[in-house]
């Protein structure tokens, strides 16, 4: 089913890195579009050096720690994922 494919893809990405990087297409498919039986915590950021967002860098470090802590906890299941949309990779999402 579409739902099991979506969850399978999210699990594959989450197993590779705690924070799933999303562009506009991934955001629309995995966050906005049904069906969904999972939650995604999405951080919107601007990490590219030309953006000069010092707060973004500090928050990113903490967000990575949080996501890794969740991923390696005994509570980790396929119902909660952590993702990030960077302005330079998904500016269309920011305009929504």
PDB file of N, CA and C in Angstrom:
ATOM      1  N   UNK A   1       0.841  -1.191   0.000  1.00  0.00           N
ATOM      2  CA  UNK A   1       0.000   0.000   0.000  1.00  0.00           C
ATOM      3  C   UNK A   1       0.877   1.243   0.000  1.00  0.00           C
ATOM      4  N   UNK A   2       0.257   2.348  -0.337  1.00  0.00           N
ATOM      5  CA  UNK A   2       0.975   3.616  -0.352  1.00  0.00           C
ATOM      6  C   UNK A   2       1.506   3.959   1.032  1.00  0.00           C
ATOM      7  N   UNK A   3       0.698   3.742   2.063  1.00  0.00           N
ATOM      8  CA  UNK A   3       1.121   4.074   3.425  1.00  0.00           C
ATOM      9  C   UNK A   3       2.336   3.251   3.835  1.00  0.00           C
ATOM     10  N   UNK A   4       2.311   1.966   3.600  1.00  0.00           N
ATOM     11  CA  UNK A   4       3.448   1.136   4.002  1.00  0.00           C
ATOM     12  C   UNK A   4       4.706   1.503   3.206  1.00  0.00           C
ATOM     13  N   UNK A   5       4.543   1.913   1.954  1.00  0.00           N
ATOM     14  CA  UNK A   5       5.690   2.369   1.165  1.00  0.00           C
ATOM     15  C   UNK A   5       6.286   3.647   1.751  1.00  0.00           C
ATOM     16  N   UNK A   6       5.402   4.579   2.145  1.00  0.00           N
ATOM     17  CA  UNK A   6       5.877   5.830   2.735  1.00  0.00           C
ATOM     18  C   UNK A   6       6.621   5.571   4.040  1.00  0.00           C
ATOM     19  N   UNK A   7       6.047   4.749   4.904  1.00  0.00           N
ATOM     20  CA  UNK A   7       6.680   4.442   6.188  1.00  0.00           C
ATOM     21  C   UNK A   7       7.999   3.699   5.962  1.00  0.00           C
ATOM     22  N   UNK A   8       8.005   2.774   5.020  1.00  0.00           N
ATOM     23  CA  UNK A   8       9.238   2.050   4.702  1.00  0.00           C
ATOM     24  C   UNK A   8      10.338   2.976   4.239  1.00  0.00           C
ATOM     25  N   UNK A   9       9.992   3.935   3.384  1.00  0.00           N
ATOM     26  CA  UNK A   9      10.981   4.899   2.904  1.00  0.00           C
ATOM     27  C   UNK A   9      11.483   5.774   4.042  1.00  0.00           C
ATOM     28  N   UNK A  10      10.582   6.252   4.897  1.00  0.00           N
ATOM     29  CA  UNK A  10      10.993   7.068   6.045  1.00  0.00           C
ATOM     30  C   UNK A  10      11.904   6.285   6.979  1.00  0.00           C
ATOM     31  N   UNK A  11      11.578   5.015   7.224  1.00  0.00           N
ATOM     32  CA  UNK A  11      12.414   4.180   8.089  1.00  0.00           C
ATOM     33  C   UNK A  11      13.808   3.996   7.481  1.00  0.00           C
ATOM     34  N   UNK A  12      13.855   3.795   6.178  1.00  0.00           N
ATOM     35  CA  UNK A  12      15.148   3.634   5.505  1.00  0.00           C
ATOM     36  C   UNK A  12      15.999   4.889   5.686  1.00  0.00           C
ATOM     37  N   UNK A  13      15.395   6.051   5.454  1.00  0.00           N
ATOM     38  CA  UNK A  13      16.127   7.311   5.634  1.00  0.00           C
ATOM     39  C   UNK A  13      16.530   7.506   7.088  1.00  0.00           C
ATOM     40  N   UNK A  14      15.629   7.223   8.025  1.00  0.00           N
ATOM     41  CA  UNK A  14      15.907   7.421   9.452  1.00  0.00           C
ATOM     42  C   UNK A  14      17.011   6.487   9.935  1.00  0.00           C
ATOM     43  N   UNK A  15      17.129   5.325   9.333  1.00  0.00           N
ATOM     44  CA  UNK A  15      18.204   4.417   9.717  1.00  0.00           C
ATOM     45  C   UNK A  15      19.566   4.920   9.245  1.00  0.00           C
ATOM     46  N   UNK A  16      19.578   5.718   8.191  1.00  0.00           N
ATOM     47  CA  UNK A  16      20.831   6.281   7.678  1.00  0.00           C
ATOM     48  C   UNK A  16      21.255   7.527   8.432  1.00  0.00           C
ATOM     49  N   UNK A  17      20.275   8.377   8.756  1.00  0.00           N
ATOM     50  CA  UNK A  17      20.578   9.607   9.512  1.00  0.00           C
ATOM     51  C   UNK A  17      19.339  10.002  10.310  1.00  0.00           C
ATOM     52  N   UNK A  18      19.571  10.509  11.503  1.00  0.00           N
ATOM     53  CA  UNK A  18      18.471  10.786  12.424  1.00  0.00           C
ATOM     54  C   UNK A  18      17.519  11.855  11.898  1.00  0.00           C
ATOM     55  N   UNK A  19      18.069  12.860  11.222  1.00  0.00           N
ATOM     56  CA  UNK A  19      17.253  13.941  10.680  1.00  0.00           C
ATOM     57  C   UNK A  19      17.170  13.760   9.170  1.00  0.00           C
ATOM     58  N   UNK A  20      15.968  13.575   8.689  1.00  0.00           N
ATOM     59  CA  UNK A  20      15.729  13.362   7.265  1.00  0.00           C
ATOM     60  C   UNK A  20      15.696  14.724   6.570  1.00  0.00           C
ATOM     61  N   UNK A  21      16.548  14.909   5.592  1.00  0.00           N
ATOM     62  CA  UNK A  21      16.556  16.166   4.835  1.00  0.00           C
ATOM     63  C   UNK A  21      15.477  16.105   3.769  1.00  0.00           C
ATOM     64  N   UNK A  22      14.685  17.152   3.705  1.00  0.00           N
ATOM     65  CA  UNK A  22      13.581  17.180   2.750  1.00  0.00           C
ATOM     66  C   UNK A  22      13.688  18.400   1.849  1.00  0.00           C
ATOM     67  N   UNK A  23      13.291  18.197   0.609  1.00  0.00           N
ATOM     68  CA  UNK A  23      13.095  19.304  -0.318  1.00  0.00           C
ATOM     69  C   UNK A  23      11.579  19.487  -0.456  1.00  0.00           C
ATOM     70  N   UNK A  24      11.149  20.327  -1.360  1.00  0.00           N
ATOM     71  CA  UNK A  24       9.724  20.589  -1.527  1.00  0.00           C
ATOM     72  C   UNK A  24       8.916  19.356  -1.886  1.00  0.00           C
ATOM     73  N   UNK A  25       9.453  18.531  -2.794  1.00  0.00           N
ATOM     74  CA  UNK A  25       8.728  17.325  -3.217  1.00  0.00           C
ATOM     75  C   UNK A  25       8.553  16.331  -2.076  1.00  0.00           C
ATOM     76  N   UNK A  26       9.631  16.079  -1.346  1.00  0.00           N
ATOM     77  CA  UNK A  26       9.544  15.149  -0.209  1.00  0.00           C
ATOM     78  C   UNK A  26       8.599  15.689   0.862  1.00  0.00           C
ATOM     79  N   UNK A  27       8.643  16.995   1.106  1.00  0.00           N
ATOM     80  CA  UNK A  27       7.770  17.604   2.107  1.00  0.00           C
ATOM     81  C   UNK A  27       6.302  17.400   1.734  1.00  0.00           C
ATOM     82  N   UNK A  28       5.977  17.670   0.476  1.00  0.00           N
ATOM     83  CA  UNK A  28       4.582  17.498   0.046  1.00  0.00           C
ATOM     84  C   UNK A  28       4.152  16.041   0.114  1.00  0.00           C
ATOM     85  N   UNK A  29       5.020  15.125  -0.258  1.00  0.00           N
ATOM     86  CA  UNK A  29       4.651  13.704  -0.285  1.00  0.00           C
ATOM     87  C   UNK A  29       4.556  13.080   1.106  1.00  0.00           C
ATOM     88  N   UNK A  30       5.517  13.389   1.986  1.00  0.00           N
ATOM     89  CA  UNK A  30       5.596  12.689   3.266  1.00  0.00           C
ATOM     90  C   UNK A  30       4.982  13.459   4.435  1.00  0.00           C
ATOM     91  N   UNK A  31       4.868  14.774   4.317  1.00  0.00           N
ATOM     92  CA  UNK A  31       4.313  15.570   5.422  1.00  0.00           C
ATOM     93  C   UNK A  31       2.884  16.010   5.122  1.00  0.00           C
ATOM     94  N   UNK A  32       2.650  16.520   3.942  1.00  0.00           N
ATOM     95  CA  UNK A  32       1.348  17.109   3.631  1.00  0.00           C
ATOM     96  C   UNK A  32       0.318  16.112   3.099  1.00  0.00           C
ATOM     97  N   UNK A  33       0.763  15.123   2.334  1.00  0.00           N
ATOM     98  CA  UNK A  33      -0.177  14.259   1.617  1.00  0.00           C
ATOM     99  C   UNK A  33      -0.611  13.053   2.446  1.00  0.00           C
ATOM    100  N   UNK A  34      -1.920  12.780   2.451  1.00  0.00           N
ATOM    101  CA  UNK A  34      -2.392  11.548   3.082  1.00  0.00           C
ATOM    102  C   UNK A  34      -2.052  10.363   2.180  1.00  0.00           C
ATOM    103  N   UNK A  35      -2.092   9.157   2.668  1.00  0.00           N
ATOM    104  CA  UNK A  35      -2.407   8.749   4.039  1.00  0.00           C
ATOM    105  C   UNK A  35      -1.180   8.882   4.934  1.00  0.00           C
ATOM    106  N   UNK A  36      -1.446   9.094   6.234  1.00  0.00           N
ATOM    107  CA  UNK A  36      -0.381   9.210   7.229  1.00  0.00           C
ATOM    108  C   UNK A  36      -0.863   8.636   8.541  1.00  0.00           C
ATOM    109  N   UNK A  37      -0.089   7.752   9.124  1.00  0.00           N
ATOM    110  CA  UNK A  37      -0.370   7.259  10.467  1.00  0.00           C
ATOM    111  C   UNK A  37       0.851   7.496  11.356  1.00  0.00           C
ATOM    112  N   UNK A  38       1.657   8.468  10.969  1.00  0.00           N
ATOM    113  CA  UNK A  38       2.890   8.805  11.673  1.00  0.00           C
ATOM    114  C   UNK A  38       2.962  10.324  11.815  1.00  0.00           C
ATOM    115  N   UNK A  39       3.873  10.778  12.653  1.00  0.00           N
ATOM    116  CA  UNK A  39       4.102  12.211  12.840  1.00  0.00           C
ATOM    117  C   UNK A  39       5.526  12.546  12.419  1.00  0.00           C
ATOM    118  N   UNK A  40       5.695  13.756  11.936  1.00  0.00           N
ATOM    119  CA  UNK A  40       7.024  14.239  11.566  1.00  0.00           C
ATOM    120  C   UNK A  40       7.229  15.602  12.218  1.00  0.00           C
ATOM    121  N   UNK A  41       8.308  15.716  12.984  1.00  0.00           N
ATOM    122  CA  UNK A  41       8.717  16.997  13.534  1.00  0.00           C
ATOM    123  C   UNK A  41       9.635  17.609  12.486  1.00  0.00           C
ATOM    124  N   UNK A  42       9.242  18.768  11.944  1.00  0.00           N
ATOM    125  CA  UNK A  42      10.009  19.388  10.862  1.00  0.00           C
ATOM    126  C   UNK A  42      10.624  20.692  11.354  1.00  0.00           C
ATOM    127  N   UNK A  43      11.931  20.808  11.159  1.00  0.00           N
ATOM    128  CA  UNK A  43      12.618  22.054  11.467  1.00  0.00           C
ATOM    129  C   UNK A  43      12.861  22.781  10.151  1.00  0.00           C
ATOM    130  N   UNK A  44      12.451  24.027  10.102  1.00  0.00           N
ATOM    131  CA  UNK A  44      12.697  24.876   8.942  1.00  0.00           C
ATOM    132  C   UNK A  44      13.913  25.734   9.261  1.00  0.00           C
ATOM    133  N   UNK A  45      14.893  25.716   8.376  1.00  0.00           N
ATOM    134  CA  UNK A  45      16.159  26.358   8.694  1.00  0.00           C
ATOM    135  C   UNK A  45      16.810  26.970   7.460  1.00  0.00           C
ATOM    136  N   UNK A  46      17.903  27.651   7.680  1.00  0.00           N
ATOM    137  CA  UNK A  46      18.711  28.238   6.604  1.00  0.00           C
ATOM    138  C   UNK A  46      20.172  28.068   7.004  1.00  0.00           C
ATOM    139  N   UNK A  47      20.739  26.912   6.712  1.00  0.00           N
ATOM    140  CA  UNK A  47      22.074  26.559   7.198  1.00  0.00           C
ATOM    141  C   UNK A  47      23.218  26.943   6.262  1.00  0.00           C
ATOM    142  N   UNK A  48      22.922  27.325   5.045  1.00  0.00           N
ATOM    143  CA  UNK A  48      23.995  27.661   4.111  1.00  0.00           C
ATOM    144  C   UNK A  48      24.777  28.867   4.628  1.00  0.00           C
ATOM    145  N   UNK A  49      26.104  28.857   4.496  1.00  0.00           N
ATOM    146  CA  UNK A  49      26.938  29.944   5.039  1.00  0.00           C
ATOM    147  C   UNK A  49      26.530  31.336   4.564  1.00  0.00           C
ATOM    148  N   UNK A  50      26.078  31.452   3.320  1.00  0.00           N
ATOM    149  CA  UNK A  50      25.705  32.783   2.818  1.00  0.00           C
ATOM    150  C   UNK A  50      24.482  33.356   3.530  1.00  0.00           C
ATOM    151  N   UNK A  51      23.709  32.514   4.207  1.00  0.00           N
ATOM    152  CA  UNK A  51      22.526  32.982   4.950  1.00  0.00           C
ATOM    153  C   UNK A  51      22.914  33.598   6.289  1.00  0.00           C
ATOM    154  N   UNK A  52      24.089  33.265   6.788  1.00  0.00           N
ATOM    155  CA  UNK A  52      24.615  33.830   8.035  1.00  0.00           C
ATOM    156  C   UNK A  52      23.633  33.728   9.196  1.00  0.00           C
ATOM    157  N   UNK A  53      23.007  32.576   9.321  1.00  0.00           N
ATOM    158  CA  UNK A  53      22.044  32.368  10.403  1.00  0.00           C
ATOM    159  C   UNK A  53      22.732  31.623  11.551  1.00  0.00           C
ATOM    160  N   UNK A  54      23.241  32.367  12.509  1.00  0.00           N
ATOM    161  CA  UNK A  54      23.943  31.731  13.625  1.00  0.00           C
ATOM    162  C   UNK A  54      22.987  30.948  14.510  1.00  0.00           C
ATOM    163  N   UNK A  55      21.782  31.425  14.666  1.00  0.00           N
ATOM    164  CA  UNK A  55      20.781  30.706  15.459  1.00  0.00           C
ATOM    165  C   UNK A  55      20.472  29.362  14.802  1.00  0.00           C
ATOM    166  N   UNK A  56      20.405  29.342  13.470  1.00  0.00           N
ATOM    167  CA  UNK A  56      20.118  28.095  12.748  1.00  0.00           C
ATOM    168  C   UNK A  56      21.168  27.035  13.057  1.00  0.00           C
ATOM    169  N   UNK A  57      22.427  27.429  13.091  1.00  0.00           N
ATOM    170  CA  UNK A  57      23.506  26.477  13.373  1.00  0.00           C
ATOM    171  C   UNK A  57      23.397  25.936  14.791  1.00  0.00           C
ATOM    172  N   UNK A  58      23.116  26.803  15.747  1.00  0.00           N
ATOM    173  CA  UNK A  58      22.996  26.367  17.141  1.00  0.00           C
ATOM    174  C   UNK A  58      21.815  25.422  17.317  1.00  0.00           C
ATOM    175  N   UNK A  59      20.695  25.778  16.745  1.00  0.00           N
ATOM    176  CA  UNK A  59      19.499  24.949  16.866  1.00  0.00           C
ATOM    177  C   UNK A  59      19.701  23.628  16.140  1.00  0.00           C
ATOM    178  N   UNK A  60      20.385  23.644  15.014  1.00  0.00           N
ATOM    179  CA  UNK A  60      20.639  22.413  14.262  1.00  0.00           C
ATOM    180  C   UNK A  60      21.398  21.408  15.123  1.00  0.00           C
ATOM    181  N   UNK A  61      22.400  21.859  15.846  1.00  0.00           N
ATOM    182  CA  UNK A  61      23.171  20.957  16.709  1.00  0.00           C
ATOM    183  C   UNK A  61      22.268  20.294  17.746  1.00  0.00           C
ATOM    184  N   UNK A  62      21.424  21.079  18.384  1.00  0.00           N
ATOM    185  CA  UNK A  62      20.510  20.542  19.399  1.00  0.00           C
ATOM    186  C   UNK A  62      19.472  19.610  18.778  1.00  0.00           C
ATOM    187  N   UNK A  63      18.987  19.976  17.618  1.00  0.00           N
ATOM    188  CA  UNK A  63      17.987  19.163  16.917  1.00  0.00           C
ATOM    189  C   UNK A  63      18.580  17.802  16.535  1.00  0.00           C
ATOM    190  N   UNK A  64      19.829  17.802  16.084  1.00  0.00           N
ATOM    191  CA  UNK A  64      20.513  16.554  15.750  1.00  0.00           C
ATOM    192  C   UNK A  64      20.645  15.663  16.982  1.00  0.00           C
ATOM    193  N   UNK A  65      20.988  16.258  18.108  1.00  0.00           N
ATOM    194  CA  UNK A  65      21.105  15.497  19.358  1.00  0.00           C
ATOM    195  C   UNK A  65      19.760  14.898  19.743  1.00  0.00           C
ATOM    196  N   UNK A  66      18.720  15.705  19.665  1.00  0.00           N
ATOM    197  CA  UNK A  66      17.375  15.227  19.994  1.00  0.00           C
ATOM    198  C   UNK A  66      16.962  14.074  19.091  1.00  0.00           C
ATOM    199  N   UNK A  67      17.145  14.230  17.788  1.00  0.00           N
ATOM    200  CA  UNK A  67      16.746  13.195  16.839  1.00  0.00           C
ATOM    201  C   UNK A  67      17.552  11.912  17.050  1.00  0.00           C
ATOM    202  N   UNK A  68      18.842  12.042  17.300  1.00  0.00           N
ATOM    203  CA  UNK A  68      19.666  10.864  17.557  1.00  0.00           C
ATOM    204  C   UNK A  68      19.269  10.175  18.849  1.00  0.00           C
ATOM    205  N   UNK A  69      18.962  10.962  19.857  1.00  0.00           N
ATOM    206  CA  UNK A  69      18.517  10.380  21.132  1.00  0.00           C
ATOM    207  C   UNK A  69      17.249   9.570  20.932  1.00  0.00           C
ATOM    208  N   UNK A  70      16.331  10.098  20.137  1.00  0.00           N
ATOM    209  CA  UNK A  70      15.083   9.372  19.854  1.00  0.00           C
ATOM    210  C   UNK A  70      15.365   8.105  19.059  1.00  0.00           C
ATOM    211  N   UNK A  71      16.192   8.234  18.042  1.00  0.00           N
ATOM    212  CA  UNK A  71      16.470   7.097  17.165  1.00  0.00           C
ATOM    213  C   UNK A  71      17.105   5.940  17.929  1.00  0.00           C
ATOM    214  N   UNK A  72      17.937   6.227  18.909  1.00  0.00           N
ATOM    215  CA  UNK A  72      18.618   5.164  19.646  1.00  0.00           C
ATOM    216  C   UNK A  72      17.924   4.803  20.958  1.00  0.00           C
ATOM    217  N   UNK A  73      16.767   5.389  21.211  1.00  0.00           N
ATOM    218  CA  UNK A  73      16.051   5.052  22.440  1.00  0.00           C
ATOM    219  C   UNK A  73      15.221   3.789  22.239  1.00  0.00           C
ATOM    220  N   UNK A  74      14.842   3.192  23.336  1.00  0.00           N
ATOM    221  CA  UNK A  74      14.011   1.986  23.257  1.00  0.00           C
ATOM    222  C   UNK A  74      12.588   2.327  22.825  1.00  0.00           C
ATOM    223  N   UNK A  75      12.237   3.596  22.833  1.00  0.00           N
ATOM    224  CA  UNK A  75      10.896   4.026  22.437  1.00  0.00           C
ATOM    225  C   UNK A  75      10.748   4.203  20.934  1.00  0.00           C
ATOM    226  N   UNK A  76      11.863   4.140  20.194  1.00  0.00           N
ATOM    227  CA  UNK A  76      11.822   4.403  18.757  1.00  0.00           C
ATOM    228  C   UNK A  76      10.909   3.402  18.047  1.00  0.00           C
ATOM    229  N   UNK A  77       9.952   3.948  17.338  1.00  0.00           N
ATOM    230  CA  UNK A  77       9.057   3.148  16.498  1.00  0.00           C
ATOM    231  C   UNK A  77       8.840   3.923  15.205  1.00  0.00           C
ATOM    232  N   UNK A  78       8.112   3.340  14.283  1.00  0.00           N
ATOM    233  CA  UNK A  78       7.911   3.986  12.983  1.00  0.00           C
ATOM    234  C   UNK A  78       6.715   4.934  12.984  1.00  0.00           C
ATOM    235  N   UNK A  79       6.498   5.623  14.092  1.00  0.00           N
ATOM    236  CA  UNK A  79       5.380   6.564  14.187  1.00  0.00           C
ATOM    237  C   UNK A  79       5.837   8.011  14.365  1.00  0.00           C
ATOM    238  N   UNK A  80       7.131   8.231  14.578  1.00  0.00           N
ATOM    239  CA  UNK A  80       7.650   9.585  14.770  1.00  0.00           C
ATOM    240  C   UNK A  80       8.993   9.715  14.083  1.00  0.00           C
ATOM    241  N   UNK A  81       9.105  10.751  13.248  1.00  0.00           N
ATOM    242  CA  UNK A  81      10.331  11.004  12.511  1.00  0.00           C
ATOM    243  C   UNK A  81      10.716  12.471  12.677  1.00  0.00           C
ATOM    244  N   UNK A  82      12.001  12.749  12.504  1.00  0.00           N
ATOM    245  CA  UNK A  82      12.516  14.111  12.554  1.00  0.00           C
ATOM    246  C   UNK A  82      13.034  14.473  11.174  1.00  0.00           C
ATOM    247  N   UNK A  83      12.651  15.646  10.698  1.00  0.00           N
ATOM    248  CA  UNK A  83      13.052  16.072   9.364  1.00  0.00           C
ATOM    249  C   UNK A  83      13.455  17.542   9.390  1.00  0.00           C
ATOM    250  N   UNK A  84      14.082  17.951   8.298  1.00  0.00           N
ATOM    251  CA  UNK A  84      14.535  19.326   8.165  1.00  0.00           C
ATOM    252  C   UNK A  84      14.303  19.776   6.729  1.00  0.00           C
ATOM    253  N   UNK A  85      13.847  21.014   6.582  1.00  0.00           N
ATOM    254  CA  UNK A  85      13.763  21.643   5.266  1.00  0.00           C
ATOM    255  C   UNK A  85      14.645  22.880   5.331  1.00  0.00           C
ATOM    256  N   UNK A  86      15.704  22.874   4.520  1.00  0.00           N
ATOM    257  CA  UNK A  86      16.583  24.030   4.447  1.00  0.00           C
ATOM    258  C   UNK A  86      16.050  24.971   3.372  1.00  0.00           C
ATOM    259  N   UNK A  87      16.130  26.250   3.637  1.00  0.00           N
ATOM    260  CA  UNK A  87      15.583  27.240   2.706  1.00  0.00           C
ATOM    261  C   UNK A  87      16.120  27.050   1.294  1.00  0.00           C
ATOM    262  N   UNK A  88      17.405  26.778   1.182  1.00  0.00           N
ATOM    263  CA  UNK A  88      18.015  26.671  -0.145  1.00  0.00           C
ATOM    264  C   UNK A  88      17.672  25.368  -0.856  1.00  0.00           C
ATOM    265  N   UNK A  89      17.109  24.395  -0.152  1.00  0.00           N
ATOM    266  CA  UNK A  89      16.702  23.130  -0.767  1.00  0.00           C
ATOM    267  C   UNK A  89      15.180  23.039  -0.957  1.00  0.00           C
ATOM    268  N   UNK A  90      14.456  23.929  -0.292  1.00  0.00           N
ATOM    269  CA  UNK A  90      12.993  23.853  -0.374  1.00  0.00           C
ATOM    270  C   UNK A  90      12.335  25.206  -0.159  1.00  0.00           C
ATOM    271  N   UNK A  91      12.821  26.214  -0.874  1.00  0.00           N
ATOM    272  CA  UNK A  91      12.266  27.564  -0.678  1.00  0.00           C
ATOM    273  C   UNK A  91      10.772  27.616  -0.971  1.00  0.00           C
ATOM    274  N   UNK A  92      10.295  26.723  -1.864  1.00  0.00           N
ATOM    275  CA  UNK A  92       8.860  26.698  -2.169  1.00  0.00           C
ATOM    276  C   UNK A  92       8.028  26.342  -0.938  1.00  0.00           C
ATOM    277  N   UNK A  93       8.586  25.514  -0.055  1.00  0.00           N
ATOM    278  CA  UNK A  93       7.880  25.140   1.186  1.00  0.00           C
ATOM    279  C   UNK A  93       7.763  26.362   2.087  1.00  0.00           C
ATOM    280  N   UNK A  94       8.800  27.177   2.138  1.00  0.00           N
ATOM    281  CA  UNK A  94       8.773  28.380   2.970  1.00  0.00           C
ATOM    282  C   UNK A  94       7.708  29.365   2.488  1.00  0.00           C
ATOM    283  N   UNK A  95       7.461  29.385   1.191  1.00  0.00           N
ATOM    284  CA  UNK A  95       6.458  30.301   0.630  1.00  0.00           C
ATOM    285  C   UNK A  95       5.036  29.840   0.895  1.00  0.00           C
ATOM    286  N   UNK A  96       4.881  28.565   1.267  1.00  0.00           N
ATOM    287  CA  UNK A  96       3.536  28.062   1.601  1.00  0.00           C
ATOM    288  C   UNK A  96       3.174  28.598   2.942  1.00  0.00           C
TER     289      UNK A  96
END
